Amino acid sequence: MTFELRILALSVVLGLVQIVLASHAASLQRGYLWTAGPRDEAVPPLTGIAGRLEWVLRNFVETFPLFAAAVLIAHVTNTHSWMTEWGVQLYFGARVAYLAVYAAGVFLLRSLVWNVATLGIAMVLLSLVLNHASAVEHAARSGLYCRSLACDHSFRALHISAVGLCPKLALVRRPRCPLLGPLIGAHWKTFAHFETYRFW
């Protein structure tokens, strides 16, 4: 299991803890009979720490699916870097701090902590973009290299065929091709009685 997946698993545990805390806080305020009943009757909104725990849980439910999706995509695409590790740590640490700060009713600080958790998700997503760009660049370079090799083999086969049709061509020593040389850097070289076409 990768580091990012371990943090994702810990975030699931954090979500379960918040569900238990919010549920018991609501039961203490409204009564366990209400909790065990069908909850059909209208009740006043939760207040105090019970209300704050409910809002913390709602906020976690809003952000966790985005975080989980980003981590799973990174795992499937084999995107693992310092950015993904810092991103998941920022999210998890900030969500733990958000629970404590919001439950305590600290003014303004909870909003700053929420931004830190959002930054963690953004870092994981950014690492996906950078990894995709790097893969595209690598594929482009590999494609150009393979095409150059294919051209090299084609020119070799063409020249060998020409030598077979006219053996005198193998005895001719040619300088750098004045027309194609500036474009593709082609050289003709003579090795004893055999001449090959090479890319340089």
Protein backbone atom coordinates (compact mmCIF):
# COMPACT_ATOMS: atom_id res chain seq x y z
CA MET A 1 0.00 0.00 0.00
CA THR A 2 1.37 3.39 -0.97
CA PHE A 3 1.71 6.30 1.42
CA GLU A 4 -1.15 8.13 -0.29
CA LEU A 5 -3.50 5.16 0.12
CA ARG A 6 -2.61 4.88 3.81
CA ILE A 7 -3.57 8.50 4.32
CA LEU A 8 -6.78 7.86 2.40
CA ALA A 9 -7.58 4.97 4.75
CA LEU A 10 -6.90 7.20 7.76
CA SER A 11 -9.25 9.79 6.27
CA VAL A 12 -11.98 7.14 6.11
CA VAL A 13 -11.40 6.45 9.82
CA LEU A 14 -11.59 10.18 10.49
CA GLY A 15 -14.94 10.28 8.72
CA LEU A 16 -16.29 7.46 10.85
CA VAL A 17 -15.12 9.21 14.02
CA GLN A 18 -16.94 12.37 12.97
CA ILE A 19 -20.14 10.41 12.29
CA VAL A 20 -20.02 8.87 15.79
CA LEU A 21 -19.27 12.21 17.46
CA ALA A 22 -22.03 14.06 15.60
CA SER A 23 -24.55 11.29 16.27
CA HIS A 24 -23.89 11.11 20.00
CA ALA A 25 -23.83 14.90 20.35
CA ALA A 26 -27.24 15.11 18.66
CA SER A 27 -28.59 12.29 20.84
CA LEU A 28 -27.43 14.02 24.01
CA GLN A 29 -29.26 17.18 22.99
CA ARG A 30 -32.45 15.63 21.58
CA GLY A 31 -32.55 12.44 23.61
CA TYR A 32 -31.71 8.86 22.70
CA LEU A 33 -35.42 8.05 22.38
CA TRP A 34 -35.57 10.50 19.48
CA THR A 35 -32.47 8.92 17.98
CA ALA A 36 -33.96 5.43 18.24
CA GLY A 37 -37.35 6.55 16.91
CA PRO A 38 -38.50 7.23 13.33
CA ARG A 39 -37.61 10.96 13.65
CA ASP A 40 -40.85 12.02 12.00
CA GLU A 41 -41.62 14.92 14.32
CA ALA A 42 -40.16 18.34 13.71
CA VAL A 43 -37.33 19.27 16.02
CA PRO A 44 -35.44 22.52 16.52
CA PRO A 45 -32.00 22.81 14.95
CA LEU A 46 -29.04 21.60 16.92
CA THR A 47 -27.18 24.24 18.86
CA GLY A 48 -23.82 24.53 20.54
CA ILE A 49 -21.20 21.88 20.01
CA ALA A 50 -23.77 19.42 18.63
CA GLY A 51 -24.64 21.83 15.84
CA ARG A 52 -21.00 22.53 15.10
CA LEU A 53 -20.17 18.83 14.92
CA GLU A 54 -23.03 18.36 12.47
CA TRP A 55 -21.68 21.11 10.23
CA VAL A 56 -18.14 19.68 10.45
CA LEU A 57 -19.47 16.34 9.27
CA ARG A 58 -21.39 17.93 6.39
CA ASN A 59 -18.28 19.80 5.33
CA PHE A 60 -16.20 16.63 5.45
CA VAL A 61 -18.75 14.80 3.29
CA GLU A 62 -18.43 17.60 0.71
CA THR A 63 -14.63 17.49 0.43
CA PHE A 64 -13.78 13.84 1.03
CA PRO A 65 -15.13 12.48 -2.31
CA LEU A 66 -12.93 14.96 -4.18
CA PHE A 67 -9.89 13.97 -2.13
CA ALA A 68 -10.57 10.24 -2.54
CA ALA A 69 -11.04 10.59 -6.30
CA ALA A 70 -7.77 12.52 -6.67
CA VAL A 71 -5.79 9.96 -4.62
CA LEU A 72 -7.27 6.98 -6.49
CA ILE A 73 -6.57 8.54 -9.89
CA ALA A 74 -3.00 9.21 -8.80
CA HIS A 75 -2.65 5.58 -7.71
CA VAL A 76 -4.10 4.18 -10.96
CA THR A 77 -1.86 6.42 -13.11
CA ASN A 78 1.17 5.60 -10.94
CA THR A 79 1.63 9.24 -9.96
CA HIS A 80 3.69 9.34 -6.77
CA SER A 81 5.89 12.30 -5.88
CA TRP A 82 6.68 14.71 -3.11
CA MET A 83 3.68 16.74 -4.25
CA THR A 84 1.19 13.89 -3.77
CA GLU A 85 2.68 13.02 -0.38
CA TRP A 86 2.55 16.60 0.86
CA GLY A 87 -0.94 17.02 -0.60
CA VAL A 88 -2.46 14.07 1.27
CA GLN A 89 -0.71 15.06 4.50
CA LEU A 90 -1.99 18.61 4.25
CA TYR A 91 -5.53 17.39 3.66
CA PHE A 92 -5.60 14.87 6.50
CA GLY A 93 -3.82 17.10 9.01
CA ALA A 94 -6.01 20.07 8.15
CA ARG A 95 -9.21 18.01 8.44
CA VAL A 96 -8.19 16.83 11.92
CA ALA A 97 -7.43 20.41 12.91
CA TYR A 98 -10.69 21.59 11.31
CA LEU A 99 -12.66 19.19 13.49
CA ALA A 100 -11.03 20.47 16.66
CA VAL A 101 -11.13 24.16 15.73
CA TYR A 102 -14.74 24.11 14.51
CA ALA A 103 -15.96 22.14 17.52
CA ALA A 104 -14.26 24.67 19.80
CA GLY A 105 -15.90 27.53 17.89
CA VAL A 106 -12.64 29.38 17.11
CA PHE A 107 -13.38 32.41 14.94
CA LEU A 108 -11.66 32.75 11.52
CA LEU A 109 -9.06 30.04 12.18
CA ARG A 110 -11.38 27.29 10.93
CA SER A 111 -11.65 29.02 7.54
CA LEU A 112 -7.87 29.17 7.24
CA VAL A 113 -7.57 25.49 8.13
CA TRP A 114 -10.23 24.63 5.51
CA ASN A 115 -8.13 26.40 2.88
CA VAL A 116 -5.11 24.29 3.85
CA ALA A 117 -7.12 21.09 3.30
CA THR A 118 -8.31 22.39 -0.07
CA LEU A 119 -4.70 23.19 -0.99
CA GLY A 120 -3.82 19.55 -0.29
CA ILE A 121 -6.40 18.37 -2.82
CA ALA A 122 -5.14 20.91 -5.34
CA MET A 123 -1.55 19.65 -4.95
CA VAL A 124 -2.60 16.08 -5.74
CA LEU A 125 -4.50 17.26 -8.82
CA LEU A 126 -1.55 19.39 -9.94
CA SER A 127 0.77 16.40 -9.67
CA LEU A 128 -1.58 14.52 -12.04
CA VAL A 129 -1.36 17.33 -14.60
CA LEU A 130 2.45 17.49 -14.37
CA ASN A 131 2.74 13.72 -14.65
CA HIS A 132 0.52 13.70 -17.76
CA ALA A 133 2.56 16.48 -19.38
CA SER A 134 5.78 14.60 -18.65
CA ALA A 135 4.35 11.38 -20.13
CA VAL A 136 3.26 13.19 -23.31
CA GLU A 137 6.70 14.74 -23.71
CA HIS A 138 8.40 11.38 -23.18
CA ALA A 139 6.09 9.72 -25.70
CA ALA A 140 6.81 12.43 -28.25
CA ARG A 141 10.56 12.01 -27.83
CA SER A 142 10.28 8.23 -28.06
CA GLY A 143 8.19 8.52 -31.22
CA LEU A 144 10.74 10.79 -32.90
CA TYR A 145 13.57 8.42 -31.97
CA CYS A 146 11.70 5.39 -33.34
CA ARG A 147 10.89 7.21 -36.59
CA SER A 148 14.55 8.20 -37.02
CA LEU A 149 15.59 4.57 -36.57
CA ALA A 150 12.99 3.46 -39.12
CA CYS A 151 14.30 6.01 -41.62
CA ASP A 152 17.87 4.88 -40.97
CA HIS A 153 17.01 1.24 -41.70
CA SER A 154 15.07 2.23 -44.81
CA PHE A 155 18.01 4.17 -46.22
CA ARG A 156 20.36 1.30 -45.44
CA ALA A 157 18.12 -1.19 -47.25
CA LEU A 158 17.79 1.17 -50.23
CA HIS A 159 21.52 1.62 -50.57
CA ILE A 160 22.26 -2.11 -50.23
CA SER A 161 19.76 -2.77 -53.01
CA ALA A 162 21.42 -0.17 -55.20
CA VAL A 163 24.85 -1.71 -54.60
CA GLY A 164 23.46 -5.13 -55.53
CA LEU A 165 22.15 -3.77 -58.83
CA CYS A 166 25.32 -1.87 -59.63
CA PRO A 167 28.41 -3.12 -57.75
CA LYS A 168 30.44 -0.14 -58.97
CA LEU A 169 28.49 2.07 -56.53
CA ALA A 170 30.25 0.32 -53.66
CA LEU A 171 33.59 1.57 -54.89
CA VAL A 172 32.50 5.19 -55.08
CA ARG A 173 33.47 7.37 -52.15
CA ARG A 174 31.03 10.23 -51.76
CA PRO A 175 31.36 13.35 -49.57
CA ARG A 176 28.56 14.82 -47.46
CA CYS A 177 25.40 15.05 -49.54
CA PRO A 178 25.17 18.74 -50.63
CA LEU A 179 21.35 18.67 -50.92
CA LEU A 180 20.10 16.39 -48.16
CA GLY A 181 23.01 16.87 -45.79
CA PRO A 182 21.96 20.26 -44.41
CA LEU A 183 18.45 18.88 -43.78
CA ILE A 184 19.05 15.45 -42.27
CA GLY A 185 22.79 15.37 -41.59
CA ALA A 186 23.42 12.39 -43.85
CA HIS A 187 26.92 11.03 -44.48
CA TRP A 188 28.22 8.55 -47.01
CA LYS A 189 31.15 6.46 -45.82
CA THR A 190 33.23 3.80 -47.50
CA PHE A 191 34.36 0.76 -45.56
CA ALA A 192 36.59 -1.34 -47.91
CA HIS A 193 34.17 -2.29 -50.73
CA PHE A 194 30.94 -1.59 -48.86
CA GLU A 195 29.18 1.69 -48.26
CA THR A 196 26.40 2.41 -45.73
CA TYR A 197 24.03 5.29 -45.11
CA ARG A 198 23.96 6.60 -41.55
CA PHE A 199 22.17 9.25 -39.46
CA TRP A 200 24.32 11.50 -37.33
